[in-house]
Amino acid sequence: MDASCKIQRSIHDVRLTYKYVSRILGTYQIGAFITITVIQSMGALGPAKAAMLIVISQLAAAWLIELFGLFGMEKTDFTVRKLLGMAVAVVGIVVFQWE
């Protein structure tokens, strides 16, 4: 085996190690955190309110990702219509919470 093959093999080994370590340390912990927070919110708020809050949070995160062009997404312009839509959804949660 010549030197270039050894270098390519070691680069491949490093990439595989990085791939699996980053998955273990990153993805699974984030998934566990999301699962724990969903379970706790279901217990604290009830299923309907927790589900509404989860959906609104996902919509807000998606809107911010588009607004700032994060993660390679195409940047979109700020629109009052989307802000009002988010505000209406939040007001809906508040009204639903009000007893």
PDB file of N, CA and C in Angstrom:
ATOM      1  N   MET A   1       0.849  -1.169   0.000  1.00  0.00           N
ATOM      2  CA  MET A   1       0.000   0.000   0.000  1.00  0.00           C
ATOM      3  C   MET A   1       0.899   1.238   0.000  1.00  0.00           C
ATOM      4  N   ASP A   2       0.685   2.121  -0.949  1.00  0.00           N
ATOM      5  CA  ASP A   2       1.527   3.312  -1.022  1.00  0.00           C
ATOM      6  C   ASP A   2       1.024   4.406  -0.074  1.00  0.00           C
ATOM      7  N   ALA A   3       1.779   5.493   0.007  1.00  0.00           N
ATOM      8  CA  ALA A   3       1.498   6.562   0.972  1.00  0.00           C
ATOM      9  C   ALA A   3       0.162   7.247   0.711  1.00  0.00           C
ATOM     10  N   SER A   4      -0.181   7.472  -0.559  1.00  0.00           N
ATOM     11  CA  SER A   4      -1.438   8.161  -0.863  1.00  0.00           C
ATOM     12  C   SER A   4      -2.641   7.320  -0.452  1.00  0.00           C
ATOM     13  N   CYS A   5      -2.571   6.019  -0.598  1.00  0.00           N
ATOM     14  CA  CYS A   5      -3.668   5.142  -0.175  1.00  0.00           C
ATOM     15  C   CYS A   5      -3.822   5.166   1.343  1.00  0.00           C
ATOM     16  N   LYS A   6      -2.701   5.203   2.055  1.00  0.00           N
ATOM     17  CA  LYS A   6      -2.760   5.265   3.516  1.00  0.00           C
ATOM     18  C   LYS A   6      -3.382   6.576   3.978  1.00  0.00           C
ATOM     19  N   ILE A   7      -3.033   7.667   3.312  1.00  0.00           N
ATOM     20  CA  ILE A   7      -3.600   8.975   3.678  1.00  0.00           C
ATOM     21  C   ILE A   7      -5.100   8.986   3.405  1.00  0.00           C
ATOM     22  N   GLN A   8      -5.499   8.486   2.252  1.00  0.00           N
ATOM     23  CA  GLN A   8      -6.920   8.450   1.926  1.00  0.00           C
ATOM     24  C   GLN A   8      -7.689   7.585   2.913  1.00  0.00           C
ATOM     25  N   ARG A   9      -7.097   6.471   3.306  1.00  0.00           N
ATOM     26  CA  ARG A   9      -7.739   5.579   4.279  1.00  0.00           C
ATOM     27  C   ARG A   9      -7.884   6.268   5.636  1.00  0.00           C
ATOM     28  N   SER A  10      -6.855   6.987   6.068  1.00  0.00           N
ATOM     29  CA  SER A  10      -6.937   7.665   7.366  1.00  0.00           C
ATOM     30  C   SER A  10      -7.952   8.807   7.328  1.00  0.00           C
ATOM     31  N   ILE A  11      -8.031   9.513   6.195  1.00  0.00           N
ATOM     32  CA  ILE A  11      -9.049  10.570   6.056  1.00  0.00           C
ATOM     33  C   ILE A  11     -10.439   9.962   6.111  1.00  0.00           C
ATOM     34  N   HIS A  12     -10.613   8.823   5.447  1.00  0.00           N
ATOM     35  CA  HIS A  12     -11.903   8.135   5.471  1.00  0.00           C
ATOM     36  C   HIS A  12     -12.271   7.717   6.895  1.00  0.00           C
ATOM     37  N   ASP A  13     -11.299   7.186   7.648  1.00  0.00           N
ATOM     38  CA  ASP A  13     -11.553   6.771   9.029  1.00  0.00           C
ATOM     39  C   ASP A  13     -11.938   7.952   9.902  1.00  0.00           C
ATOM     40  N   VAL A  14     -11.273   9.089   9.717  1.00  0.00           N
ATOM     41  CA  VAL A  14     -11.594  10.290  10.500  1.00  0.00           C
ATOM     42  C   VAL A  14     -12.996  10.771  10.174  1.00  0.00           C
ATOM     43  N   ARG A  15     -13.356  10.762   8.904  1.00  0.00           N
ATOM     44  CA  ARG A  15     -14.699  11.203   8.509  1.00  0.00           C
ATOM     45  C   ARG A  15     -15.771  10.293   9.113  1.00  0.00           C
ATOM     46  N   LEU A  16     -15.542   8.988   9.082  1.00  0.00           N
ATOM     47  CA  LEU A  16     -16.519   8.069   9.676  1.00  0.00           C
ATOM     48  C   LEU A  16     -16.645   8.291  11.180  1.00  0.00           C
ATOM     49  N   THR A  17     -15.511   8.474  11.836  1.00  0.00           N
ATOM     50  CA  THR A  17     -15.535   8.707  13.280  1.00  0.00           C
ATOM     51  C   THR A  17     -16.297   9.993  13.589  1.00  0.00           C
ATOM     52  N   TYR A  18     -16.004  11.064  12.862  1.00  0.00           N
ATOM     53  CA  TYR A  18     -16.686  12.338  13.069  1.00  0.00           C
ATOM     54  C   TYR A  18     -18.180  12.197  12.817  1.00  0.00           C
ATOM     55  N   LYS A  19     -18.526  11.478  11.771  1.00  0.00           N
ATOM     56  CA  LYS A  19     -19.933  11.288  11.407  1.00  0.00           C
ATOM     57  C   LYS A  19     -20.717  10.633  12.543  1.00  0.00           C
ATOM     58  N   TYR A  20     -20.188   9.546  13.078  1.00  0.00           N
ATOM     59  CA  TYR A  20     -20.923   8.820  14.110  1.00  0.00           C
ATOM     60  C   TYR A  20     -20.874   9.512  15.462  1.00  0.00           C
ATOM     61  N   VAL A  21     -19.775  10.125  15.799  1.00  0.00           N
ATOM     62  CA  VAL A  21     -19.685  10.854  17.077  1.00  0.00           C
ATOM     63  C   VAL A  21     -20.623  12.058  17.059  1.00  0.00           C
ATOM     64  N   SER A  22     -20.652  12.787  15.950  1.00  0.00           N
ATOM     65  CA  SER A  22     -21.535  13.955  15.880  1.00  0.00           C
ATOM     66  C   SER A  22     -23.001  13.542  15.927  1.00  0.00           C
ATOM     67  N   ARG A  23     -23.317  12.404  15.336  1.00  0.00           N
ATOM     68  CA  ARG A  23     -24.706  11.931  15.415  1.00  0.00           C
ATOM     69  C   ARG A  23     -25.082  11.558  16.842  1.00  0.00           C
ATOM     70  N   ILE A  24     -24.198  10.878  17.507  1.00  0.00           N
ATOM     71  CA  ILE A  24     -24.492  10.452  18.878  1.00  0.00           C
ATOM     72  C   ILE A  24     -24.614  11.658  19.797  1.00  0.00           C
ATOM     73  N   LEU A  25     -23.683  12.589  19.699  1.00  0.00           N
ATOM     74  CA  LEU A  25     -23.672  13.731  20.609  1.00  0.00           C
ATOM     75  C   LEU A  25     -24.701  14.788  20.250  1.00  0.00           C
ATOM     76  N   GLY A  26     -25.040  14.912  18.992  1.00  0.00           N
ATOM     77  CA  GLY A  26     -25.941  15.972  18.575  1.00  0.00           C
ATOM     78  C   GLY A  26     -27.374  15.543  18.398  1.00  0.00           C
ATOM     79  N   THR A  27     -27.613  14.716  17.439  1.00  0.00           N
ATOM     80  CA  THR A  27     -28.969  14.385  17.029  1.00  0.00           C
ATOM     81  C   THR A  27     -29.766  13.698  18.123  1.00  0.00           C
ATOM     82  N   TYR A  28     -29.192  12.724  18.761  1.00  0.00           N
ATOM     83  CA  TYR A  28     -29.941  11.971  19.754  1.00  0.00           C
ATOM     84  C   TYR A  28     -30.244  12.806  20.979  1.00  0.00           C
ATOM     85  N   GLN A  29     -29.344  13.679  21.372  1.00  0.00           N
ATOM     86  CA  GLN A  29     -29.606  14.528  22.526  1.00  0.00           C
ATOM     87  C   GLN A  29     -30.693  15.548  22.220  1.00  0.00           C
ATOM     88  N   ILE A  30     -30.672  16.096  21.022  1.00  0.00           N
ATOM     89  CA  ILE A  30     -31.726  17.040  20.645  1.00  0.00           C
ATOM     90  C   ILE A  30     -33.073  16.332  20.603  1.00  0.00           C
ATOM     91  N   GLY A  31     -33.107  15.142  20.045  1.00  0.00           N
ATOM     92  CA  GLY A  31     -34.352  14.373  20.001  1.00  0.00           C
ATOM     93  C   GLY A  31     -34.860  14.026  21.385  1.00  0.00           C
ATOM     94  N   ALA A  32     -33.957  13.657  22.279  1.00  0.00           N
ATOM     95  CA  ALA A  32     -34.351  13.346  23.652  1.00  0.00           C
ATOM     96  C   ALA A  32     -34.880  14.596  24.348  1.00  0.00           C
ATOM     97  N   PHE A  33     -34.229  15.740  24.125  1.00  0.00           N
ATOM     98  CA  PHE A  33     -34.687  17.000  24.728  1.00  0.00           C
ATOM     99  C   PHE A  33     -36.084  17.360  24.240  1.00  0.00           C
ATOM    100  N   ILE A  34     -36.320  17.229  22.950  1.00  0.00           N
ATOM    101  CA  ILE A  34     -37.645  17.547  22.405  1.00  0.00           C
ATOM    102  C   ILE A  34     -38.696  16.601  22.969  1.00  0.00           C
ATOM    103  N   THR A  35     -38.382  15.317  23.044  1.00  0.00           N
ATOM    104  CA  THR A  35     -39.331  14.344  23.588  1.00  0.00           C
ATOM    105  C   THR A  35     -39.667  14.642  25.045  1.00  0.00           C
ATOM    106  N   ILE A  36     -38.671  14.946  25.841  1.00  0.00           N
ATOM    107  CA  ILE A  36     -38.908  15.256  27.261  1.00  0.00           C
ATOM    108  C   ILE A  36     -39.768  16.505  27.408  1.00  0.00           C
ATOM    109  N   THR A  37     -39.464  17.554  26.641  1.00  0.00           N
ATOM    110  CA  THR A  37     -40.252  18.783  26.772  1.00  0.00           C
ATOM    111  C   THR A  37     -41.690  18.580  26.303  1.00  0.00           C
ATOM    112  N   VAL A  38     -41.901  17.763  25.274  1.00  0.00           N
ATOM    113  CA  VAL A  38     -43.269  17.492  24.821  1.00  0.00           C
ATOM    114  C   VAL A  38     -44.035  16.726  25.891  1.00  0.00           C
ATOM    115  N   ILE A  39     -43.404  15.735  26.489  1.00  0.00           N
ATOM    116  CA  ILE A  39     -44.066  14.953  27.541  1.00  0.00           C
ATOM    117  C   ILE A  39     -44.422  15.841  28.728  1.00  0.00           C
ATOM    118  N   GLN A  40     -43.491  16.710  29.128  1.00  0.00           N
ATOM    119  CA  GLN A  40     -43.753  17.597  30.261  1.00  0.00           C
ATOM    120  C   GLN A  40     -44.846  18.614  29.930  1.00  0.00           C
ATOM    121  N   SER A  41     -44.858  19.128  28.711  1.00  0.00           N
ATOM    122  CA  SER A  41     -45.885  20.100  28.357  1.00  0.00           C
ATOM    123  C   SER A  41     -47.260  19.447  28.265  1.00  0.00           C
ATOM    124  N   MET A  42     -47.309  18.187  27.832  1.00  0.00           N
ATOM    125  CA  MET A  42     -48.593  17.476  27.809  1.00  0.00           C
ATOM    126  C   MET A  42     -49.154  17.341  29.221  1.00  0.00           C
ATOM    127  N   GLY A  43     -48.281  17.027  30.167  1.00  0.00           N
ATOM    128  CA  GLY A  43     -48.734  16.886  31.547  1.00  0.00           C
ATOM    129  C   GLY A  43     -49.135  18.210  32.174  1.00  0.00           C
ATOM    130  N   ALA A  44     -48.400  19.267  31.869  1.00  0.00           N
ATOM    131  CA  ALA A  44     -48.667  20.561  32.488  1.00  0.00           C
ATOM    132  C   ALA A  44     -49.836  21.310  31.848  1.00  0.00           C
ATOM    133  N   LEU A  45     -49.949  21.254  30.539  1.00  0.00           N
ATOM    134  CA  LEU A  45     -50.958  22.045  29.835  1.00  0.00           C
ATOM    135  C   LEU A  45     -52.157  21.244  29.353  1.00  0.00           C
ATOM    136  N   GLY A  46     -52.001  19.969  29.227  1.00  0.00           N
ATOM    137  CA  GLY A  46     -53.032  19.145  28.609  1.00  0.00           C
ATOM    138  C   GLY A  46     -52.697  18.951  27.142  1.00  0.00           C
ATOM    139  N   PRO A  47     -53.250  17.910  26.536  1.00  0.00           N
ATOM    140  CA  PRO A  47     -52.869  17.577  25.161  1.00  0.00           C
ATOM    141  C   PRO A  47     -53.221  18.639  24.115  1.00  0.00           C
ATOM    142  N   ALA A  48     -54.384  19.237  24.202  1.00  0.00           N
ATOM    143  CA  ALA A  48     -54.802  20.198  23.173  1.00  0.00           C
ATOM    144  C   ALA A  48     -53.954  21.461  23.219  1.00  0.00           C
ATOM    145  N   LYS A  49     -53.766  22.014  24.406  1.00  0.00           N
ATOM    146  CA  LYS A  49     -52.972  23.240  24.532  1.00  0.00           C
ATOM    147  C   LYS A  49     -51.512  22.991  24.180  1.00  0.00           C
ATOM    148  N   ALA A  50     -50.985  21.849  24.604  1.00  0.00           N
ATOM    149  CA  ALA A  50     -49.591  21.531  24.293  1.00  0.00           C
ATOM    150  C   ALA A  50     -49.396  21.355  22.797  1.00  0.00           C
ATOM    151  N   ALA A  51     -50.323  20.689  22.141  1.00  0.00           N
ATOM    152  CA  ALA A  51     -50.218  20.488  20.694  1.00  0.00           C
ATOM    153  C   ALA A  51     -50.285  21.828  19.956  1.00  0.00           C
ATOM    154  N   MET A  52     -51.166  22.724  20.389  1.00  0.00           N
ATOM    155  CA  MET A  52     -51.250  24.046  19.766  1.00  0.00           C
ATOM    156  C   MET A  52     -49.947  24.812  19.957  1.00  0.00           C
ATOM    157  N   LEU A  53     -49.389  24.761  21.152  1.00  0.00           N
ATOM    158  CA  LEU A  53     -48.140  25.466  21.425  1.00  0.00           C
ATOM    159  C   LEU A  53     -46.985  24.905  20.601  1.00  0.00           C
ATOM    160  N   ILE A  54     -46.943  23.596  20.435  1.00  0.00           N
ATOM    161  CA  ILE A  54     -45.890  22.961  19.634  1.00  0.00           C
ATOM    162  C   ILE A  54     -45.997  23.395  18.174  1.00  0.00           C
ATOM    163  N   VAL A  55     -47.194  23.410  17.632  1.00  0.00           N
ATOM    164  CA  VAL A  55     -47.383  23.794  16.227  1.00  0.00           C
ATOM    165  C   VAL A  55     -47.023  25.267  16.027  1.00  0.00           C
ATOM    166  N   ILE A  56     -47.445  26.138  16.941  1.00  0.00           N
ATOM    167  CA  ILE A  56     -47.130  27.559  16.830  1.00  0.00           C
ATOM    168  C   ILE A  56     -45.615  27.770  16.916  1.00  0.00           C
ATOM    169  N   SER A  57     -44.949  27.036  17.804  1.00  0.00           N
ATOM    170  CA  SER A  57     -43.492  27.161  17.925  1.00  0.00           C
ATOM    171  C   SER A  57     -42.798  26.723  16.646  1.00  0.00           C
ATOM    172  N   GLN A  58     -43.277  25.659  16.037  1.00  0.00           N
ATOM    173  CA  GLN A  58     -42.678  25.194  14.784  1.00  0.00           C
ATOM    174  C   GLN A  58     -42.906  26.201  13.656  1.00  0.00           C
ATOM    175  N   LEU A  59     -44.091  26.794  13.603  1.00  0.00           N
ATOM    176  CA  LEU A  59     -44.364  27.812  12.594  1.00  0.00           C
ATOM    177  C   LEU A  59     -43.462  29.027  12.783  1.00  0.00           C
ATOM    178  N   ALA A  60     -43.285  29.456  14.034  1.00  0.00           N
ATOM    179  CA  ALA A  60     -42.433  30.610  14.319  1.00  0.00           C
ATOM    180  C   ALA A  60     -40.983  30.314  13.944  1.00  0.00           C
ATOM    181  N   ALA A  61     -40.503  29.132  14.283  1.00  0.00           N
ATOM    182  CA  ALA A  61     -39.123  28.764  13.940  1.00  0.00           C
ATOM    183  C   ALA A  61     -38.940  28.711  12.425  1.00  0.00           C
ATOM    184  N   ALA A  62     -39.897  28.140  11.714  1.00  0.00           N
ATOM    185  CA  ALA A  62     -39.807  28.054  10.252  1.00  0.00           C
ATOM    186  C   ALA A  62     -39.818  29.450   9.628  1.00  0.00           C
ATOM    187  N   TRP A  63     -40.641  30.330  10.168  1.00  0.00           N
ATOM    188  CA  TRP A  63     -40.722  31.695   9.642  1.00  0.00           C
ATOM    189  C   TRP A  63     -39.403  32.433   9.867  1.00  0.00           C
ATOM    190  N   LEU A  64     -38.806  32.277  11.046  1.00  0.00           N
ATOM    191  CA  LEU A  64     -37.529  32.933  11.323  1.00  0.00           C
ATOM    192  C   LEU A  64     -36.405  32.365  10.451  1.00  0.00           C
ATOM    193  N   ILE A  65     -36.432  31.067  10.204  1.00  0.00           N
ATOM    194  CA  ILE A  65     -35.423  30.461   9.325  1.00  0.00           C
ATOM    195  C   ILE A  65     -35.534  31.043   7.918  1.00  0.00           C
ATOM    196  N   GLU A  66     -36.759  31.190   7.421  1.00  0.00           N
ATOM    197  CA  GLU A  66     -36.951  31.794   6.102  1.00  0.00           C
ATOM    198  C   GLU A  66     -36.591  33.272   6.104  1.00  0.00           C
ATOM    199  N   LEU A  67     -36.959  33.986   7.156  1.00  0.00           N
ATOM    200  CA  LEU A  67     -36.740  35.425   7.234  1.00  0.00           C
ATOM    201  C   LEU A  67     -35.259  35.772   7.210  1.00  0.00           C
ATOM    202  N   PHE A  68     -34.435  35.014   7.926  1.00  0.00           N
ATOM    203  CA  PHE A  68     -33.011  35.295   8.003  1.00  0.00           C
ATOM    204  C   PHE A  68     -32.178  34.454   7.028  1.00  0.00           C
ATOM    205  N   GLY A  69     -32.808  33.558   6.289  1.00  0.00           N
ATOM    206  CA  GLY A  69     -32.098  32.744   5.316  1.00  0.00           C
ATOM    207  C   GLY A  69     -31.135  31.757   5.954  1.00  0.00           C
ATOM    208  N   LEU A  70     -31.530  31.181   7.072  1.00  0.00           N
ATOM    209  CA  LEU A  70     -30.671  30.242   7.778  1.00  0.00           C
ATOM    210  C   LEU A  70     -30.664  28.879   7.098  1.00  0.00           C
ATOM    211  N   PHE A  71     -29.628  28.094   7.336  1.00  0.00           N
ATOM    212  CA  PHE A  71     -29.492  26.716   6.851  1.00  0.00           C
ATOM    213  C   PHE A  71     -29.585  26.617   5.325  1.00  0.00           C
ATOM    214  N   GLY A  72     -29.148  27.654   4.640  1.00  0.00           N
ATOM    215  CA  GLY A  72     -29.139  27.623   3.184  1.00  0.00           C
ATOM    216  C   GLY A  72     -30.483  27.921   2.532  1.00  0.00           C
ATOM    217  N   MET A  73     -31.464  28.305   3.324  1.00  0.00           N
ATOM    218  CA  MET A  73     -32.773  28.637   2.756  1.00  0.00           C
ATOM    219  C   MET A  73     -32.704  29.993   2.061  1.00  0.00           C
ATOM    220  N   GLU A  74     -33.557  30.178   1.091  1.00  0.00           N
ATOM    221  CA  GLU A  74     -33.621  31.464   0.409  1.00  0.00           C
ATOM    222  C   GLU A  74     -34.262  32.481   1.344  1.00  0.00           C
ATOM    223  N   LYS A  75     -33.655  33.640   1.452  1.00  0.00           N
ATOM    224  CA  LYS A  75     -34.155  34.686   2.333  1.00  0.00           C
ATOM    225  C   LYS A  75     -35.464  35.247   1.786  1.00  0.00           C
ATOM    226  N   THR A  76     -36.443  35.436   2.658  1.00  0.00           N
ATOM    227  CA  THR A  76     -37.708  36.031   2.246  1.00  0.00           C
ATOM    228  C   THR A  76     -37.865  37.386   2.925  1.00  0.00           C
ATOM    229  N   ASP A  77     -38.701  38.198   2.366  1.00  0.00           N
ATOM    230  CA  ASP A  77     -38.936  39.527   2.925  1.00  0.00           C
ATOM    231  C   ASP A  77     -39.887  39.447   4.119  1.00  0.00           C
ATOM    232  N   PHE A  78     -39.751  40.412   5.009  1.00  0.00           N
ATOM    233  CA  PHE A  78     -40.656  40.522   6.152  1.00  0.00           C
ATOM    234  C   PHE A  78     -42.016  40.976   5.630  1.00  0.00           C
ATOM    235  N   THR A  79     -43.071  40.291   6.060  1.00  0.00           N
ATOM    236  CA  THR A  79     -44.423  40.706   5.688  1.00  0.00           C
ATOM    237  C   THR A  79     -45.258  40.829   6.945  1.00  0.00           C
ATOM    238  N   VAL A  80     -46.048  41.857   6.978  1.00  0.00           N
ATOM    239  CA  VAL A  80     -46.934  42.093   8.114  1.00  0.00           C
ATOM    240  C   VAL A  80     -47.972  40.986   8.209  1.00  0.00           C
ATOM    241  N   ARG A  81     -48.372  40.461   7.057  1.00  0.00           N
ATOM    242  CA  ARG A  81     -49.383  39.396   7.028  1.00  0.00           C
ATOM    243  C   ARG A  81     -48.940  38.173   7.833  1.00  0.00           C
ATOM    244  N   LYS A  82     -47.660  37.774   7.674  1.00  0.00           N
ATOM    245  CA  LYS A  82     -47.164  36.622   8.425  1.00  0.00           C
ATOM    246  C   LYS A  82     -47.060  36.943   9.907  1.00  0.00           C
ATOM    247  N   LEU A  83     -46.651  38.167  10.227  1.00  0.00           N
ATOM    248  CA  LEU A  83     -46.586  38.576  11.635  1.00  0.00           C
ATOM    249  C   LEU A  83     -47.975  38.569  12.259  1.00  0.00           C
ATOM    250  N   LEU A  84     -48.958  39.062  11.549  1.00  0.00           N
ATOM    251  CA  LEU A  84     -50.333  39.051  12.056  1.00  0.00           C
ATOM    252  C   LEU A  84     -50.856  37.627  12.212  1.00  0.00           C
ATOM    253  N   GLY A  85     -50.492  36.764  11.294  1.00  0.00           N
ATOM    254  CA  GLY A  85     -50.900  35.363  11.408  1.00  0.00           C
ATOM    255  C   GLY A  85     -50.339  34.711  12.658  1.00  0.00           C
ATOM    256  N   MET A  86     -49.062  34.983  12.943  1.00  0.00           N
ATOM    257  CA  MET A  86     -48.460  34.445  14.171  1.00  0.00           C
ATOM    258  C   MET A  86     -49.125  35.046  15.412  1.00  0.00           C
ATOM    259  N   ALA A  87     -49.427  36.342  15.350  1.00  0.00           N
ATOM    260  CA  ALA A  87     -50.075  37.003  16.487  1.00  0.00           C
ATOM    261  C   ALA A  87     -51.468  36.424  16.736  1.00  0.00           C
ATOM    262  N   VAL A  88     -52.210  36.165  15.672  1.00  0.00           N
ATOM    263  CA  VAL A  88     -53.539  35.571  15.813  1.00  0.00           C
ATOM    264  C   VAL A  88     -53.438  34.186  16.445  1.00  0.00           C
ATOM    265  N   ALA A  89     -52.436  33.415  16.040  1.00  0.00           N
ATOM    266  CA  ALA A  89     -52.253  32.085  16.610  1.00  0.00           C
ATOM    267  C   ALA A  89     -51.924  32.162  18.097  1.00  0.00           C
ATOM    268  N   VAL A  90     -51.064  33.107  18.470  1.00  0.00           N
ATOM    269  CA  VAL A  90     -50.719  33.271  19.889  1.00  0.00           C
ATOM    270  C   VAL A  90     -51.934  33.734  20.679  1.00  0.00           C
ATOM    271  N   VAL A  91     -52.709  34.648  20.125  1.00  0.00           N
ATOM    272  CA  VAL A  91     -53.942  35.098  20.800  1.00  0.00           C
ATOM    273  C   VAL A  91     -54.899  33.916  20.945  1.00  0.00           C
ATOM    274  N   GLY A  92     -54.951  33.043  19.960  1.00  0.00           N
ATOM    275  CA  GLY A  92     -55.784  31.845  20.062  1.00  0.00           C
ATOM    276  C   GLY A  92     -55.375  30.958  21.226  1.00  0.00           C
ATOM    277  N   ILE A  93     -54.078  30.825  21.451  1.00  0.00           N
ATOM    278  CA  ILE A  93     -53.607  30.042  22.593  1.00  0.00           C
ATOM    279  C   ILE A  93     -54.015  30.705  23.898  1.00  0.00           C
ATOM    280  N   VAL A  94     -53.869  32.033  23.963  1.00  0.00           N
ATOM    281  CA  VAL A  94     -54.239  32.766  25.174  1.00  0.00           C
ATOM    282  C   VAL A  94     -55.730  32.625  25.450  1.00  0.00           C
ATOM    283  N   VAL A  95     -56.542  32.762  24.420  1.00  0.00           N
ATOM    284  CA  VAL A  95     -57.994  32.633  24.596  1.00  0.00           C
ATOM    285  C   VAL A  95     -58.344  31.211  25.012  1.00  0.00           C
ATOM    286  N   PHE A  96     -57.696  30.232  24.408  1.00  0.00           N
ATOM    287  CA  PHE A  96     -57.954  28.834  24.741  1.00  0.00           C
ATOM    288  C   PHE A  96     -57.528  28.542  26.194  1.00  0.00           C
ATOM    289  N   GLN A  97     -56.464  29.208  26.660  1.00  0.00           N
ATOM    290  CA  GLN A  97     -55.964  29.022  28.019  1.00  0.00           C
ATOM    291  C   GLN A  97     -56.890  29.658  29.058  1.00  0.00           C
ATOM    292  N   TRP A  98     -57.545  30.729  28.658  1.00  0.00           N
ATOM    293  CA  TRP A  98     -58.397  31.506  29.561  1.00  0.00           C
ATOM    294  C   TRP A  98     -59.613  30.685  29.954  1.00  0.00           C
ATOM    295  N   GLU A  99     -59.820  30.568  31.249  1.00  0.00           N
ATOM    296  CA  GLU A  99     -60.952  29.742  31.713  1.00  0.00           C
ATOM    297  C   GLU A  99     -62.036  30.568  32.330  1.00  0.00           C
TER     298      GLU A  99
END
